[in-house]
Amino acid sequence: MKTPQKVIMVSGAARGMGAAIAKKFYDEGWHVSLGMRKSETPTWATDTARILIGYYDALDATTETAWVEKTISHFGHINAIVANAGIGIWKNVIEISEGEMDDLLDVHIKSPRRLVSAAWQQLVASGSGRVVMIGSLSSKRVYDSDSGAYAVSKFATLALAHAIRHTGFEYGIRATVICPGFVKTDMVEGMMPGLHMTPAEEIARVAHFLVTSPNEVSISEIPVNCRAEESY
């Protein structure tokens, strides 16, 4: 009997870490459902039968369920989710507007929760469902005032991953949050000139390790840094 092909959903897959993660799994033979706002097949995806483009906007609460349903309809099942979509708003917790704070919370907490919830029965049915949340070192500490509001939302990303791990553990679901520092993407590359940032491909390698590890390997969080800090 032929083993069913593994299927992963990656949000924010158009660029940066999301694109690198999607490519890594594609290169490893997975079927990959790309969540993005623009329907554009990546140049590296030469086998289009293993790629699905799903419309996903973390600020639109209708898109998670529609994307999950499209993925199931196309591939038949879901084995793993990487919740990567993120935004950066660099303001302190006093100055940030209510709307900007809502956007941070929607993108980093509420939308990933809806996405995992929509795919939950698929993850349970697989017996080894995997959820990887892309957090930040700002999930672990508040680096400075201007990253404060961002950190509040990313601390919650960390808590969400732990909550999913507890909720799904008995069903074989394992959830991990990867907490990178500065990663070389167009979102942050200009913020620290001269810093040798972690390549996005290395975050993809960590994500692949987590998703392909057996149920007996439960890793709740992985900090990743490109420089020496006191704790990370």
C-alpha atoms as a PDB file:
ATOM      1  CA  MET A   1       0.000   0.000   0.000  1.00  0.00           C
ATOM      2  CA  LYS A   2       1.439   3.352  -1.047  1.00  0.00           C
ATOM      3  CA  THR A   3       2.187   5.782   1.798  1.00  0.00           C
ATOM      4  CA  PRO A   4       0.151   8.996   1.426  1.00  0.00           C
ATOM      5  CA  GLN A   5       2.190  12.026   0.438  1.00  0.00           C
ATOM      6  CA  LYS A   6       2.952  14.450   3.275  1.00  0.00           C
ATOM      7  CA  VAL A   7       1.239  17.841   3.026  1.00  0.00           C
ATOM      8  CA  ILE A   8       2.312  21.057   4.754  1.00  0.00           C
ATOM      9  CA  MET A   9       0.730  24.500   4.853  1.00  0.00           C
ATOM     10  CA  VAL A  10       3.050  27.521   5.145  1.00  0.00           C
ATOM     11  CA  SER A  11       1.621  30.989   5.774  1.00  0.00           C
ATOM     12  CA  GLY A  12       3.375  34.141   4.638  1.00  0.00           C
ATOM     13  CA  ALA A  13       5.061  32.038   1.967  1.00  0.00           C
ATOM     14  CA  ALA A  14       5.640  34.752  -0.618  1.00  0.00           C
ATOM     15  CA  ARG A  15       8.984  35.923   0.766  1.00  0.00           C
ATOM     16  CA  GLY A  16      11.534  35.739   3.555  1.00  0.00           C
ATOM     17  CA  MET A  17      11.419  32.854   6.014  1.00  0.00           C
ATOM     18  CA  GLY A  18       8.086  31.624   4.670  1.00  0.00           C
ATOM     19  CA  ALA A  19       9.436  31.248   1.150  1.00  0.00           C
ATOM     20  CA  ALA A  20      12.591  29.541   2.427  1.00  0.00           C
ATOM     21  CA  ILE A  21      10.571  27.111   4.558  1.00  0.00           C
ATOM     22  CA  ALA A  22       8.194  26.296   1.705  1.00  0.00           C
ATOM     23  CA  LYS A  23      11.114  25.646  -0.666  1.00  0.00           C
ATOM     24  CA  LYS A  24      12.861  23.406   1.867  1.00  0.00           C
ATOM     25  CA  PHE A  25       9.836  21.148   2.215  1.00  0.00           C
ATOM     26  CA  TYR A  26       9.240  21.160  -1.540  1.00  0.00           C
ATOM     27  CA  ASP A  27      12.879  20.166  -2.112  1.00  0.00           C
ATOM     28  CA  GLU A  28      12.398  17.337   0.403  1.00  0.00           C
ATOM     29  CA  GLY A  29       9.493  15.961  -1.626  1.00  0.00           C
ATOM     30  CA  TRP A  30       6.523  17.313   0.305  1.00  0.00           C
ATOM     31  CA  HIS A  31       3.324  18.698  -1.159  1.00  0.00           C
ATOM     32  CA  VAL A  32       3.212  22.345  -0.136  1.00  0.00           C
ATOM     33  CA  SER A  33       0.233  24.664   0.235  1.00  0.00           C
ATOM     34  CA  LEU A  34       1.417  28.269   0.111  1.00  0.00           C
ATOM     35  CA  GLY A  35      -0.620  30.874   1.976  1.00  0.00           C
ATOM     36  CA  MET A  36      -0.175  34.313   0.437  1.00  0.00           C
ATOM     37  CA  ARG A  37      -2.084  37.366  -0.702  1.00  0.00           C
ATOM     38  CA  LYS A  38      -0.889  37.205  -4.308  1.00  0.00           C
ATOM     39  CA  SER A  39      -1.399  34.140  -6.465  1.00  0.00           C
ATOM     40  CA  GLU A  40       2.106  33.736  -7.836  1.00  0.00           C
ATOM     41  CA  THR A  41       3.822  30.366  -8.204  1.00  0.00           C
ATOM     42  CA  PRO A  42       7.480  30.523  -7.106  1.00  0.00           C
ATOM     43  CA  THR A  43      10.110  29.991  -9.793  1.00  0.00           C
ATOM     44  CA  TRP A  44      11.574  27.053  -7.847  1.00  0.00           C
ATOM     45  CA  ALA A  45       8.288  25.129  -7.927  1.00  0.00           C
ATOM     46  CA  THR A  46       8.809  23.297 -11.203  1.00  0.00           C
ATOM     47  CA  ASP A  47       6.554  20.379 -10.243  1.00  0.00           C
ATOM     48  CA  THR A  48       3.287  22.279 -10.030  1.00  0.00           C
ATOM     49  CA  ALA A  49       1.416  19.123  -8.989  1.00  0.00           C
ATOM     50  CA  ARG A  50       3.073  19.435  -5.568  1.00  0.00           C
ATOM     51  CA  ILE A  51       2.270  23.122  -5.114  1.00  0.00           C
ATOM     52  CA  LEU A  52      -0.979  24.853  -4.244  1.00  0.00           C
ATOM     53  CA  ILE A  53      -1.417  28.612  -3.937  1.00  0.00           C
ATOM     54  CA  GLY A  54      -4.031  29.523  -1.358  1.00  0.00           C
ATOM     55  CA  TYR A  55      -5.243  33.026  -0.636  1.00  0.00           C
ATOM     56  CA  TYR A  56      -4.364  33.949   2.922  1.00  0.00           C
ATOM     57  CA  ASP A  57      -4.444  37.295   4.695  1.00  0.00           C
ATOM     58  CA  ALA A  58      -3.894  37.251   8.451  1.00  0.00           C
ATOM     59  CA  LEU A  59      -5.974  40.432   8.740  1.00  0.00           C
ATOM     60  CA  ASP A  60      -8.965  38.790   7.031  1.00  0.00           C
ATOM     61  CA  ALA A  61     -10.623  36.322   9.407  1.00  0.00           C
ATOM     62  CA  THR A  62     -12.394  34.500   6.557  1.00  0.00           C
ATOM     63  CA  THR A  63      -9.260  33.277   4.814  1.00  0.00           C
ATOM     64  CA  GLU A  64      -7.941  30.624   7.219  1.00  0.00           C
ATOM     65  CA  THR A  65     -10.869  28.234   6.852  1.00  0.00           C
ATOM     66  CA  ALA A  66     -11.108  28.800   3.096  1.00  0.00           C
ATOM     67  CA  TRP A  67      -7.405  28.061   2.655  1.00  0.00           C
ATOM     68  CA  VAL A  68      -7.623  24.896   4.768  1.00  0.00           C
ATOM     69  CA  GLU A  69     -10.647  23.680   2.817  1.00  0.00           C
ATOM     70  CA  LYS A  70      -8.883  24.365  -0.485  1.00  0.00           C
ATOM     71  CA  THR A  71      -5.830  22.434   0.696  1.00  0.00           C
ATOM     72  CA  ILE A  72      -7.904  19.424   1.745  1.00  0.00           C
ATOM     73  CA  SER A  73      -9.857  19.499  -1.497  1.00  0.00           C
ATOM     74  CA  HIS A  74      -6.645  19.600  -3.544  1.00  0.00           C
ATOM     75  CA  PHE A  75      -4.327  17.276  -1.608  1.00  0.00           C
ATOM     76  CA  GLY A  76      -6.773  15.230   0.480  1.00  0.00           C
ATOM     77  CA  HIS A  77      -5.229  15.792   3.898  1.00  0.00           C
ATOM     78  CA  ILE A  78      -2.907  17.977   6.013  1.00  0.00           C
ATOM     79  CA  ASN A  79       0.057  16.809   8.081  1.00  0.00           C
ATOM     80  CA  ALA A  80       1.676  20.028   9.249  1.00  0.00           C
ATOM     81  CA  ILE A  81       1.304  23.788   9.512  1.00  0.00           C
ATOM     82  CA  VAL A  82       3.972  26.464   9.701  1.00  0.00           C
ATOM     83  CA  ALA A  83       2.437  29.726  10.920  1.00  0.00           C
ATOM     84  CA  ASN A  84       5.022  32.157   9.631  1.00  0.00           C
ATOM     85  CA  ALA A  85       3.129  35.279   8.568  1.00  0.00           C
ATOM     86  CA  GLY A  86       4.209  38.319  10.553  1.00  0.00           C
ATOM     87  CA  ILE A  87       4.382  42.099  10.610  1.00  0.00           C
ATOM     88  CA  GLY A  88       6.711  44.549  12.279  1.00  0.00           C
ATOM     89  CA  ILE A  89       5.451  47.693  13.980  1.00  0.00           C
ATOM     90  CA  TRP A  90       8.263  49.300  15.935  1.00  0.00           C
ATOM     91  CA  LYS A  91       6.558  51.472  18.526  1.00  0.00           C
ATOM     92  CA  ASN A  92       6.494  51.448  22.292  1.00  0.00           C
ATOM     93  CA  VAL A  93       3.417  50.294  24.162  1.00  0.00           C
ATOM     94  CA  ILE A  94       2.342  53.858  24.980  1.00  0.00           C
ATOM     95  CA  GLU A  95       2.602  55.411  21.533  1.00  0.00           C
ATOM     96  CA  ILE A  96       1.220  52.566  19.438  1.00  0.00           C
ATOM     97  CA  SER A  97      -2.314  53.146  18.164  1.00  0.00           C
ATOM     98  CA  GLU A  98      -5.207  50.857  18.990  1.00  0.00           C
ATOM     99  CA  GLY A  99      -5.475  49.813  15.362  1.00  0.00           C
ATOM    100  CA  GLU A 100      -1.771  49.009  15.103  1.00  0.00           C
ATOM    101  CA  MET A 101      -1.912  46.943  18.288  1.00  0.00           C
ATOM    102  CA  ASP A 102      -4.921  45.091  16.946  1.00  0.00           C
ATOM    103  CA  ASP A 103      -2.990  44.298  13.758  1.00  0.00           C
ATOM    104  CA  LEU A 104      -0.075  42.847  15.727  1.00  0.00           C
ATOM    105  CA  LEU A 105      -2.400  40.668  17.783  1.00  0.00           C
ATOM    106  CA  ASP A 106      -4.440  39.597  14.756  1.00  0.00           C
ATOM    107  CA  VAL A 107      -1.399  38.564  12.703  1.00  0.00           C
ATOM    108  CA  HIS A 108       0.685  36.960  15.439  1.00  0.00           C
ATOM    109  CA  ILE A 109      -1.998  35.306  17.584  1.00  0.00           C
ATOM    110  CA  LYS A 110      -5.582  35.301  16.395  1.00  0.00           C
ATOM    111  CA  SER A 111      -5.011  34.298  12.790  1.00  0.00           C
ATOM    112  CA  PRO A 112      -2.587  31.426  13.599  1.00  0.00           C
ATOM    113  CA  ARG A 113      -5.052  30.134  16.178  1.00  0.00           C
ATOM    114  CA  ARG A 114      -7.863  30.193  13.624  1.00  0.00           C
ATOM    115  CA  LEU A 115      -5.644  28.442  11.077  1.00  0.00           C
ATOM    116  CA  VAL A 116      -4.689  25.615  13.417  1.00  0.00           C
ATOM    117  CA  SER A 117      -8.275  25.306  14.616  1.00  0.00           C
ATOM    118  CA  ALA A 118      -9.548  24.993  11.043  1.00  0.00           C
ATOM    119  CA  ALA A 119      -7.045  22.208  10.322  1.00  0.00           C
ATOM    120  CA  TRP A 120      -7.324  20.526  13.736  1.00  0.00           C
ATOM    121  CA  GLN A 121      -9.217  17.406  12.694  1.00  0.00           C
ATOM    122  CA  GLN A 122      -6.722  16.812   9.904  1.00  0.00           C
ATOM    123  CA  LEU A 123      -3.795  17.122  12.313  1.00  0.00           C
ATOM    124  CA  VAL A 124      -5.484  14.744  14.760  1.00  0.00           C
ATOM    125  CA  ALA A 125      -6.267  12.236  12.022  1.00  0.00           C
ATOM    126  CA  SER A 126      -2.647  12.133  10.898  1.00  0.00           C
ATOM    127  CA  GLY A 127      -1.531  10.817  14.288  1.00  0.00           C
ATOM    128  CA  SER A 128       1.629  12.904  14.024  1.00  0.00           C
ATOM    129  CA  GLY A 129       0.376  16.401  13.244  1.00  0.00           C
ATOM    130  CA  ARG A 130       2.928  19.163  13.485  1.00  0.00           C
ATOM    131  CA  VAL A 131       2.535  22.871  14.191  1.00  0.00           C
ATOM    132  CA  VAL A 132       5.497  25.237  13.958  1.00  0.00           C
ATOM    133  CA  MET A 133       4.984  28.846  14.978  1.00  0.00           C
ATOM    134  CA  ILE A 134       7.533  31.432  13.907  1.00  0.00           C
ATOM    135  CA  GLY A 135       7.994  33.594  16.961  1.00  0.00           C
ATOM    136  CA  SER A 136      11.006  35.748  17.697  1.00  0.00           C
ATOM    137  CA  LEU A 137      13.632  36.320  20.343  1.00  0.00           C
ATOM    138  CA  SER A 138      11.121  39.045  21.172  1.00  0.00           C
ATOM    139  CA  SER A 139       8.954  36.127  22.339  1.00  0.00           C
ATOM    140  CA  LYS A 140      11.529  35.677  25.102  1.00  0.00           C
ATOM    141  CA  ARG A 141      12.617  39.184  26.100  1.00  0.00           C
ATOM    142  CA  VAL A 142      11.818  42.840  25.449  1.00  0.00           C
ATOM    143  CA  TYR A 143      14.913  44.089  23.630  1.00  0.00           C
ATOM    144  CA  ASP A 144      14.120  47.810  23.824  1.00  0.00           C
ATOM    145  CA  SER A 145      11.252  50.275  24.082  1.00  0.00           C
ATOM    146  CA  ASP A 146      10.514  50.456  20.360  1.00  0.00           C
ATOM    147  CA  SER A 147      10.140  46.680  20.111  1.00  0.00           C
ATOM    148  CA  GLY A 148       7.834  46.566  23.135  1.00  0.00           C
ATOM    149  CA  ALA A 149       4.454  46.275  21.423  1.00  0.00           C
ATOM    150  CA  TYR A 150       5.857  43.769  18.940  1.00  0.00           C
ATOM    151  CA  ALA A 151       7.219  41.739  21.870  1.00  0.00           C
ATOM    152  CA  VAL A 152       3.835  41.699  23.590  1.00  0.00           C
ATOM    153  CA  SER A 153       2.324  40.002  20.544  1.00  0.00           C
ATOM    154  CA  LYS A 154       5.260  37.624  20.123  1.00  0.00           C
ATOM    155  CA  PHE A 155       5.179  36.608  23.797  1.00  0.00           C
ATOM    156  CA  ALA A 156       1.607  35.538  23.072  1.00  0.00           C
ATOM    157  CA  THR A 157       2.786  33.568  20.021  1.00  0.00           C
ATOM    158  CA  LEU A 158       4.999  31.574  22.378  1.00  0.00           C
ATOM    159  CA  ALA A 159       2.083  30.934  24.730  1.00  0.00           C
ATOM    160  CA  LEU A 160      -0.131  29.890  21.809  1.00  0.00           C
ATOM    161  CA  ALA A 161       2.398  27.271  20.703  1.00  0.00           C
ATOM    162  CA  HIS A 162       2.602  25.886  24.245  1.00  0.00           C
ATOM    163  CA  ALA A 163      -1.206  25.806  24.473  1.00  0.00           C
ATOM    164  CA  ILE A 164      -1.481  23.927  21.161  1.00  0.00           C
ATOM    165  CA  ARG A 165       1.172  21.455  22.335  1.00  0.00           C
ATOM    166  CA  HIS A 166      -0.778  20.685  25.504  1.00  0.00           C
ATOM    167  CA  THR A 167      -4.115  20.474  23.696  1.00  0.00           C
ATOM    168  CA  GLY A 168      -2.911  18.132  20.982  1.00  0.00           C
ATOM    169  CA  PHE A 169      -0.279  16.043  22.710  1.00  0.00           C
ATOM    170  CA  GLU A 170      -2.470  12.992  23.346  1.00  0.00           C
ATOM    171  CA  TYR A 171      -3.356  12.936  19.631  1.00  0.00           C
ATOM    172  CA  GLY A 172       0.266  12.918  18.469  1.00  0.00           C
ATOM    173  CA  ILE A 173       0.304  16.622  17.681  1.00  0.00           C
ATOM    174  CA  ARG A 174       3.582  18.360  18.499  1.00  0.00           C
ATOM    175  CA  ALA A 175       3.865  22.154  18.503  1.00  0.00           C
ATOM    176  CA  THR A 176       7.018  24.239  18.621  1.00  0.00           C
ATOM    177  CA  VAL A 177       7.821  27.921  18.373  1.00  0.00           C
ATOM    178  CA  ILE A 178      11.046  28.920  16.626  1.00  0.00           C
ATOM    179  CA  CYS A 179      12.346  32.167  18.141  1.00  0.00           C
ATOM    180  CA  PRO A 180      14.800  33.786  15.711  1.00  0.00           C
ATOM    181  CA  GLY A 181      16.750  36.956  16.311  1.00  0.00           C
ATOM    182  CA  PHE A 182      17.779  38.913  13.227  1.00  0.00           C
ATOM    183  CA  VAL A 183      17.147  36.873  10.075  1.00  0.00           C
ATOM    184  CA  LYS A 184      18.333  38.059   6.685  1.00  0.00           C
ATOM    185  CA  THR A 185      15.024  39.005   5.059  1.00  0.00           C
ATOM    186  CA  ASP A 186      13.847  42.166   3.337  1.00  0.00           C
ATOM    187  CA  MET A 187      11.752  42.972   6.440  1.00  0.00           C
ATOM    188  CA  VAL A 188      14.763  43.497   8.724  1.00  0.00           C
ATOM    189  CA  GLU A 189      17.899  43.560   6.564  1.00  0.00           C
ATOM    190  CA  GLY A 190      18.222  47.348   6.683  1.00  0.00           C
ATOM    191  CA  MET A 191      17.730  47.556  10.438  1.00  0.00           C
ATOM    192  CA  MET A 192      21.210  46.355  11.435  1.00  0.00           C
ATOM    193  CA  PRO A 193      23.753  47.287   8.731  1.00  0.00           C
ATOM    194  CA  GLY A 194      26.875  45.144   8.854  1.00  0.00           C
ATOM    195  CA  LEU A 195      25.366  42.442  11.067  1.00  0.00           C
ATOM    196  CA  HIS A 196      25.808  38.907   9.746  1.00  0.00           C
ATOM    197  CA  MET A 197      22.215  37.807  10.145  1.00  0.00           C
ATOM    198  CA  THR A 198      20.955  34.243  10.259  1.00  0.00           C
ATOM    199  CA  PRO A 199      20.076  33.064   6.722  1.00  0.00           C
ATOM    200  CA  ALA A 200      16.393  32.303   6.206  1.00  0.00           C
ATOM    201  CA  GLU A 201      17.417  28.893   4.888  1.00  0.00           C
ATOM    202  CA  GLU A 202      18.717  27.972   8.343  1.00  0.00           C
ATOM    203  CA  ILE A 203      15.321  28.677   9.901  1.00  0.00           C
ATOM    204  CA  ALA A 204      13.857  26.446   7.186  1.00  0.00           C
ATOM    205  CA  ARG A 205      16.278  23.675   8.155  1.00  0.00           C
ATOM    206  CA  VAL A 206      15.175  23.922  11.791  1.00  0.00           C
ATOM    207  CA  ALA A 207      11.503  23.819  10.768  1.00  0.00           C
ATOM    208  CA  HIS A 208      12.090  20.704   8.658  1.00  0.00           C
ATOM    209  CA  PHE A 209      13.859  18.982  11.560  1.00  0.00           C
ATOM    210  CA  LEU A 210      10.936  19.731  13.873  1.00  0.00           C
ATOM    211  CA  VAL A 211       8.234  18.588  11.474  1.00  0.00           C
ATOM    212  CA  THR A 212      10.024  15.342  10.562  1.00  0.00           C
ATOM    213  CA  SER A 213      10.978  14.353  14.115  1.00  0.00           C
ATOM    214  CA  PRO A 214       9.024  11.454  15.669  1.00  0.00           C
ATOM    215  CA  ASN A 215       6.355  11.849  18.308  1.00  0.00           C
ATOM    216  CA  GLU A 216       8.881  10.868  20.956  1.00  0.00           C
ATOM    217  CA  VAL A 217      10.764  14.114  20.269  1.00  0.00           C
ATOM    218  CA  SER A 218       8.767  17.043  21.636  1.00  0.00           C
ATOM    219  CA  ILE A 219      10.605  20.365  21.513  1.00  0.00           C
ATOM    220  CA  SER A 220       8.585  23.281  22.822  1.00  0.00           C
ATOM    221  CA  GLU A 221      10.776  26.189  21.706  1.00  0.00           C
ATOM    222  CA  ILE A 222      14.033  26.871  19.868  1.00  0.00           C
ATOM    223  CA  PRO A 223      15.790  30.234  20.203  1.00  0.00           C
ATOM    224  CA  VAL A 224      18.072  31.055  17.252  1.00  0.00           C
ATOM    225  CA  ASN A 225      20.514  33.970  17.322  1.00  0.00           C
ATOM    226  CA  CYS A 226      23.235  35.354  15.086  1.00  0.00           C
ATOM    227  CA  ARG A 227      25.091  37.134  17.875  1.00  0.00           C
ATOM    228  CA  ALA A 228      25.956  36.721  21.534  1.00  0.00           C
ATOM    229  CA  GLU A 229      23.388  37.997  23.999  1.00  0.00           C
ATOM    230  CA  GLU A 230      23.317  37.415  27.723  1.00  0.00           C
ATOM    231  CA  SER A 231      20.800  34.611  27.590  1.00  0.00           C
ATOM    232  CA  TYR A 232      20.324  33.747  23.912  1.00  0.00           C
END
